[in-house]
Amino acid sequence: MSGRAHTRPEGTGEPTSVAWPLRILILAPFRSDARLTAEFLSKAGLQAEICRDVSELCDRIEEGCAAVI
């Protein structure tokens, strides 16, 4: 890991290489808040993914995750 949070390519719906049960999903009101949170978690050695909206968050929860912020 290069210290960067993993996110899906915009609009592709393709999964990242992050192990589903270990990832932390982030849904924040502003993209900058989500990015900063993901960077903070990544620096702590955690794997984070940013969700664009509630629908995407729900889909990813169904796939599996460790936590939601």
C-alpha atoms as a PDB file:
ATOM      1  CA  MET A   1       0.000   0.000   0.000  1.00  0.00           C
ATOM      2  CA  SER A   2       1.418   3.350  -0.962  1.00  0.00           C
ATOM      3  CA  GLY A   3      -0.372   5.238   1.802  1.00  0.00           C
ATOM      4  CA  ARG A   4      -3.301   6.002  -0.481  1.00  0.00           C
ATOM      5  CA  ALA A   5      -6.896   4.970   0.011  1.00  0.00           C
ATOM      6  CA  HIS A   6      -8.398   2.671  -2.571  1.00  0.00           C
ATOM      7  CA  THR A   7     -11.414   3.867  -4.484  1.00  0.00           C
ATOM      8  CA  ARG A   8     -13.268   2.386  -7.397  1.00  0.00           C
ATOM      9  CA  PRO A   9     -12.782   4.111 -10.722  1.00  0.00           C
ATOM     10  CA  GLU A  10     -15.610   6.598 -11.111  1.00  0.00           C
ATOM     11  CA  GLY A  11     -18.656   5.062 -12.737  1.00  0.00           C
ATOM     12  CA  THR A  12     -17.109   1.674 -13.517  1.00  0.00           C
ATOM     13  CA  GLY A  13     -18.522  -0.302 -10.630  1.00  0.00           C
ATOM     14  CA  GLU A  14     -15.329  -2.375 -10.674  1.00  0.00           C
ATOM     15  CA  PRO A  15     -14.083  -3.634  -7.319  1.00  0.00           C
ATOM     16  CA  THR A  16     -10.685  -2.611  -6.017  1.00  0.00           C
ATOM     17  CA  SER A  17      -8.009  -4.991  -4.790  1.00  0.00           C
ATOM     18  CA  VAL A  18      -9.040  -4.296  -1.181  1.00  0.00           C
ATOM     19  CA  ALA A  19     -10.213  -7.410   0.655  1.00  0.00           C
ATOM     20  CA  TRP A  20     -13.932  -6.757   1.153  1.00  0.00           C
ATOM     21  CA  PRO A  21     -14.172  -7.752   4.835  1.00  0.00           C
ATOM     22  CA  LEU A  22     -11.241  -5.492   5.792  1.00  0.00           C
ATOM     23  CA  ARG A  23     -12.247  -2.261   4.096  1.00  0.00           C
ATOM     24  CA  ILE A  24     -13.761   0.787   5.736  1.00  0.00           C
ATOM     25  CA  LEU A  25     -16.435   2.537   3.693  1.00  0.00           C
ATOM     26  CA  ILE A  26     -16.700   6.320   3.819  1.00  0.00           C
ATOM     27  CA  LEU A  27     -19.720   8.447   2.957  1.00  0.00           C
ATOM     28  CA  ALA A  28     -19.197  12.141   3.649  1.00  0.00           C
ATOM     29  CA  PRO A  29     -21.188  15.246   2.684  1.00  0.00           C
ATOM     30  CA  PHE A  30     -18.240  16.734   0.779  1.00  0.00           C
ATOM     31  CA  ARG A  31     -15.731  14.947  -1.446  1.00  0.00           C
ATOM     32  CA  SER A  32     -12.860  16.739   0.333  1.00  0.00           C
ATOM     33  CA  ASP A  33     -14.077  15.415   3.714  1.00  0.00           C
ATOM     34  CA  ALA A  34     -14.188  11.887   2.328  1.00  0.00           C
ATOM     35  CA  ARG A  35     -10.712  12.227   0.805  1.00  0.00           C
ATOM     36  CA  LEU A  36      -9.179  13.577   4.015  1.00  0.00           C
ATOM     37  CA  THR A  37     -10.813  10.828   6.074  1.00  0.00           C
ATOM     38  CA  ALA A  38      -9.556   8.162   3.668  1.00  0.00           C
ATOM     39  CA  GLU A  39      -6.033   9.616   3.823  1.00  0.00           C
ATOM     40  CA  PHE A  40      -6.121   9.660   7.633  1.00  0.00           C
ATOM     41  CA  LEU A  41      -7.239   6.017   7.759  1.00  0.00           C
ATOM     42  CA  SER A  42      -4.674   4.997   5.172  1.00  0.00           C
ATOM     43  CA  LYS A  43      -1.859   6.605   7.198  1.00  0.00           C
ATOM     44  CA  ALA A  44      -3.069   4.521  10.150  1.00  0.00           C
ATOM     45  CA  GLY A  45      -2.635   1.392   8.018  1.00  0.00           C
ATOM     46  CA  LEU A  46      -6.331   0.860   7.311  1.00  0.00           C
ATOM     47  CA  GLN A  47      -7.971   0.311   3.932  1.00  0.00           C
ATOM     48  CA  ALA A  48     -10.662   2.828   3.018  1.00  0.00           C
ATOM     49  CA  GLU A  49     -13.062   3.272   0.108  1.00  0.00           C
ATOM     50  CA  ILE A  50     -15.047   6.400  -0.637  1.00  0.00           C
ATOM     51  CA  CYS A  51     -18.707   5.985  -1.634  1.00  0.00           C
ATOM     52  CA  ARG A  52     -20.338   8.655  -3.808  1.00  0.00           C
ATOM     53  CA  ASP A  53     -23.862   8.277  -2.437  1.00  0.00           C
ATOM     54  CA  VAL A  54     -26.104   6.226  -0.141  1.00  0.00           C
ATOM     55  CA  SER A  55     -27.030   3.813  -2.924  1.00  0.00           C
ATOM     56  CA  GLU A  56     -23.383   2.980  -3.603  1.00  0.00           C
ATOM     57  CA  LEU A  57     -22.730   2.684   0.138  1.00  0.00           C
ATOM     58  CA  CYS A  58     -25.584   0.186   0.515  1.00  0.00           C
ATOM     59  CA  ASP A  59     -24.306  -1.874  -2.430  1.00  0.00           C
ATOM     60  CA  ARG A  60     -20.824  -2.027  -0.950  1.00  0.00           C
ATOM     61  CA  ILE A  61     -22.129  -2.903   2.532  1.00  0.00           C
ATOM     62  CA  GLU A  62     -23.846  -5.909   0.949  1.00  0.00           C
ATOM     63  CA  GLU A  63     -20.493  -6.919  -0.576  1.00  0.00           C
ATOM     64  CA  GLY A  64     -18.900  -6.763   2.879  1.00  0.00           C
ATOM     65  CA  CYS A  65     -16.916  -4.317   4.970  1.00  0.00           C
ATOM     66  CA  ALA A  66     -15.395  -3.917   8.408  1.00  0.00           C
ATOM     67  CA  ALA A  67     -16.882  -0.493   9.196  1.00  0.00           C
ATOM     68  CA  VAL A  68     -18.783   2.477   7.790  1.00  0.00           C
ATOM     69  CA  ILE A  69     -17.979   6.136   8.448  1.00  0.00           C
END
